[in-house]
Amino acid sequence: MKTLLAVLGLVGVLVFVGVGSYVSNYNYGNQAEKTIDAQYKNMENILAQYSLKVTEAAQVPTIKTDDLAKITKEAMTGRYGKDGSKAVFQWIQENYPGQISDGLYVQIQQMIEAGRNKFENSQTKFIDTKRAYETDLGYLWKGFWLRVAGYPKIDLAKYVIISSEHAQDAFKNGVDKGIKLR
């Protein structure tokens, strides 16, 4: 009788450990895949917002230039008439508002740098999250239970890192040629 109770107790413990391992790893797999998907979507959001901000800010100098041309033309027409000044000799010092401030370009540069840094940080976090999940899938015990639970359920290959032609060429050729600014 004691032997039967011991065997039943051992079977009960093994079932408890097995069920507990299955549930724990199933929940982990679900959480890991939802985190990977959410971080990937967030990277897209960061890149989209950064790109839109820079694109919109880069339009400001053109808008300002167009507005300046319009103001200057109106000022000249208002001051000298439709056909301009007919004077033989004029000594006039004109003063019009309007140089395009270097501050606009500095601001756009800062937006680019801040956006790139934020995107880099989000990709670094994503890389680490994906690495941790793939590592866990490869573990003997945890990986076994994750596979029993049907993980991975997502195609991990579709979650790629956004790179640049420069970086891809450098890694392909083993040479970093530097960045050409002009």
Protein backbone atom coordinates (compact mmCIF):
# COMPACT_ATOMS: atom_id res chain seq x y z
CA MET A 1 0.00 0.00 0.00
CA LYS A 2 2.85 2.38 0.85
CA THR A 3 4.51 1.61 -2.45
CA LEU A 4 1.29 2.31 -4.34
CA LEU A 5 0.85 5.62 -2.52
CA ALA A 6 4.48 6.52 -3.23
CA VAL A 7 4.08 5.70 -6.92
CA LEU A 8 0.79 7.64 -7.13
CA GLY A 9 2.42 10.55 -5.30
CA LEU A 10 5.36 10.51 -7.70
CA VAL A 11 3.01 10.31 -10.71
CA GLY A 12 0.98 13.18 -9.23
CA VAL A 13 4.10 15.31 -8.78
CA LEU A 14 5.25 14.55 -12.33
CA VAL A 15 1.80 15.44 -13.72
CA PHE A 16 1.77 18.62 -11.64
CA VAL A 17 5.26 19.59 -12.84
CA GLY A 18 4.38 18.70 -16.43
CA VAL A 19 1.11 20.64 -16.43
CA GLY A 20 2.77 23.53 -14.61
CA SER A 21 5.64 23.59 -17.11
CA TYR A 22 3.24 23.44 -20.04
CA VAL A 23 1.04 26.27 -18.72
CA SER A 24 4.02 28.41 -17.74
CA ASN A 25 5.74 28.04 -21.09
CA TYR A 26 2.52 28.44 -23.05
CA ASN A 27 1.91 31.75 -21.26
CA TYR A 28 5.52 32.80 -21.81
CA GLY A 29 5.32 31.98 -25.53
CA ASN A 30 2.13 34.00 -25.87
CA GLN A 31 3.63 36.96 -24.03
CA ALA A 32 6.91 36.81 -25.99
CA GLU A 33 5.19 36.72 -29.37
CA LYS A 34 2.81 39.54 -28.47
CA THR A 35 5.80 41.60 -27.27
CA ILE A 36 7.74 40.94 -30.50
CA ASP A 37 4.73 41.95 -32.60
CA ALA A 38 4.04 45.08 -30.51
CA GLN A 39 7.67 46.22 -30.57
CA TYR A 40 7.81 45.69 -34.33
CA LYS A 41 4.69 47.80 -34.85
CA ASN A 42 6.14 50.44 -32.51
CA MET A 43 9.33 50.59 -34.60
CA GLU A 44 7.18 51.24 -37.67
CA ASN A 45 5.33 53.96 -35.78
CA ILE A 46 8.58 55.62 -34.65
CA LEU A 47 10.02 55.56 -38.18
CA ALA A 48 6.78 56.88 -39.69
CA GLN A 49 6.46 59.74 -37.20
CA TYR A 50 10.10 60.68 -37.48
CA SER A 51 9.96 60.64 -41.28
CA LEU A 52 6.80 62.72 -41.37
CA LYS A 53 8.20 65.30 -38.94
CA VAL A 54 11.37 65.74 -40.97
CA THR A 55 9.48 65.86 -44.28
CA GLU A 56 7.08 68.47 -42.95
CA ALA A 57 9.81 70.55 -41.28
CA ALA A 58 11.91 70.48 -44.46
CA GLN A 59 9.04 72.21 -46.29
CA VAL A 60 9.21 75.25 -44.02
CA PRO A 61 12.18 76.95 -45.77
CA THR A 62 10.44 76.61 -49.16
CA ILE A 63 7.20 78.02 -47.74
CA LYS A 64 9.13 80.87 -46.14
CA THR A 65 10.97 81.60 -49.40
CA ASP A 66 7.70 81.63 -51.36
CA ASP A 67 6.08 83.91 -48.78
CA LEU A 68 9.12 86.20 -48.83
CA ALA A 69 8.97 86.52 -52.62
CA LYS A 70 5.29 87.40 -52.40
CA ILE A 71 5.86 89.99 -49.65
CA THR A 72 8.79 91.54 -51.50
CA LYS A 73 6.81 91.80 -54.74
CA GLU A 74 3.86 93.37 -52.92
CA ALA A 75 6.15 95.81 -51.10
CA MET A 76 7.86 96.87 -54.32
CA THR A 77 4.56 97.24 -56.17
CA GLY A 78 3.08 99.20 -53.28
CA ARG A 79 6.08 101.49 -53.03
CA TYR A 80 6.90 102.05 -56.72
CA GLY A 81 3.71 101.15 -58.54
CA LYS A 82 2.89 98.43 -60.99
CA ASP A 83 5.62 99.38 -63.47
CA GLY A 84 8.29 100.13 -60.85
CA SER A 85 10.24 103.35 -60.30
CA LYS A 86 10.74 105.62 -63.32
CA ALA A 87 13.37 107.75 -61.62
CA VAL A 88 16.66 108.34 -63.40
CA PHE A 89 18.60 108.19 -60.16
CA GLN A 90 17.57 106.75 -56.77
CA TRP A 91 19.45 106.33 -53.58
CA ILE A 92 17.34 103.94 -51.58
CA GLN A 93 18.29 101.45 -48.99
CA GLU A 94 15.70 98.72 -49.03
CA ASN A 95 15.10 96.66 -45.95
CA TYR A 96 12.94 93.60 -46.33
CA PRO A 97 12.27 90.93 -43.79
CA GLY A 98 13.50 87.73 -44.63
CA GLN A 99 16.51 85.73 -44.58
CA ILE A 100 15.97 82.06 -44.01
CA SER A 101 17.35 81.40 -40.59
CA ASP A 102 20.06 78.82 -40.09
CA GLY A 103 18.01 77.83 -37.06
CA LEU A 104 15.51 76.08 -39.33
CA TYR A 105 18.23 73.86 -40.75
CA VAL A 106 19.70 73.20 -37.32
CA GLN A 107 16.25 72.25 -36.07
CA ILE A 108 15.77 69.82 -38.97
CA GLN A 109 19.20 68.30 -38.28
CA GLN A 110 18.27 67.87 -34.63
CA MET A 111 14.98 66.24 -35.59
CA ILE A 112 16.82 63.82 -37.86
CA GLU A 113 19.35 62.92 -35.18
CA ALA A 114 16.74 62.54 -32.45
CA GLY A 115 14.50 60.46 -34.70
CA ARG A 116 17.35 58.20 -35.76
CA ASN A 117 18.44 57.75 -32.13
CA LYS A 118 14.91 56.87 -31.03
CA PHE A 119 14.56 54.42 -33.92
CA GLU A 120 17.95 52.86 -33.16
CA ASN A 121 16.97 52.39 -29.51
CA SER A 122 13.67 50.77 -30.43
CA GLN A 123 15.40 48.40 -32.87
CA THR A 124 18.04 47.49 -30.26
CA LYS A 125 15.29 46.65 -27.76
CA PHE A 126 13.46 44.63 -30.42
CA ILE A 127 16.61 42.71 -31.37
CA ASP A 128 17.14 41.74 -27.74
CA THR A 129 13.49 40.68 -27.26
CA LYS A 130 13.57 38.52 -30.39
CA ARG A 131 16.95 37.06 -29.39
CA ALA A 132 15.67 36.13 -25.93
CA TYR A 133 12.63 34.37 -27.38
CA GLU A 134 14.65 32.50 -29.99
CA THR A 135 17.13 31.47 -27.27
CA ASP A 136 14.30 30.15 -25.12
CA LEU A 137 12.93 28.21 -28.10
CA GLY A 138 16.34 26.52 -28.31
CA TYR A 139 16.56 25.51 -24.64
CA LEU A 140 16.08 21.85 -23.88
CA TRP A 141 13.33 22.02 -21.24
CA LYS A 142 11.71 25.32 -22.05
CA GLY A 143 12.04 24.79 -25.79
CA PHE A 144 10.44 21.35 -25.46
CA TRP A 145 7.40 22.75 -23.68
CA LEU A 146 7.14 25.70 -26.05
CA ARG A 147 7.13 23.32 -29.02
CA VAL A 148 4.54 21.11 -27.27
CA ALA A 149 2.41 24.26 -26.84
CA GLY A 150 2.75 24.98 -30.56
CA TYR A 151 5.30 27.78 -30.47
CA PRO A 152 6.51 29.61 -32.39
CA LYS A 153 3.12 30.52 -33.76
CA ILE A 154 4.42 33.57 -35.61
CA ASP A 155 6.87 33.62 -38.51
CA LEU A 156 9.92 35.10 -36.81
CA ALA A 157 11.60 35.60 -40.20
CA LYS A 158 9.10 38.33 -41.11
CA TYR A 159 10.23 40.48 -38.18
CA VAL A 160 13.30 42.06 -39.75
CA ILE A 161 15.52 44.93 -38.78
CA ILE A 162 15.41 48.03 -40.95
CA SER A 163 18.87 48.73 -42.29
CA SER A 164 20.47 50.95 -44.91
CA GLU A 165 22.17 50.24 -48.21
CA HIS A 166 25.41 51.55 -46.72
CA ALA A 167 25.30 49.09 -43.81
CA GLN A 168 24.26 46.16 -45.97
CA ASP A 169 27.05 46.85 -48.48
CA ALA A 170 29.61 47.17 -45.68
CA PHE A 171 28.62 43.83 -44.16
CA LYS A 172 28.41 42.14 -47.55
CA ASN A 173 31.84 43.35 -48.70
CA GLY A 174 33.56 43.56 -45.32
CA VAL A 175 34.52 47.18 -46.03
CA ASP A 176 33.03 50.38 -44.66
CA LYS A 177 33.63 53.06 -47.29
CA GLY A 178 32.38 55.88 -45.10
CA ILE A 179 29.42 58.11 -45.72
CA LYS A 180 29.55 60.57 -48.61
CA LEU A 181 27.95 63.85 -47.69
CA ARG A 182 28.13 65.23 -51.22
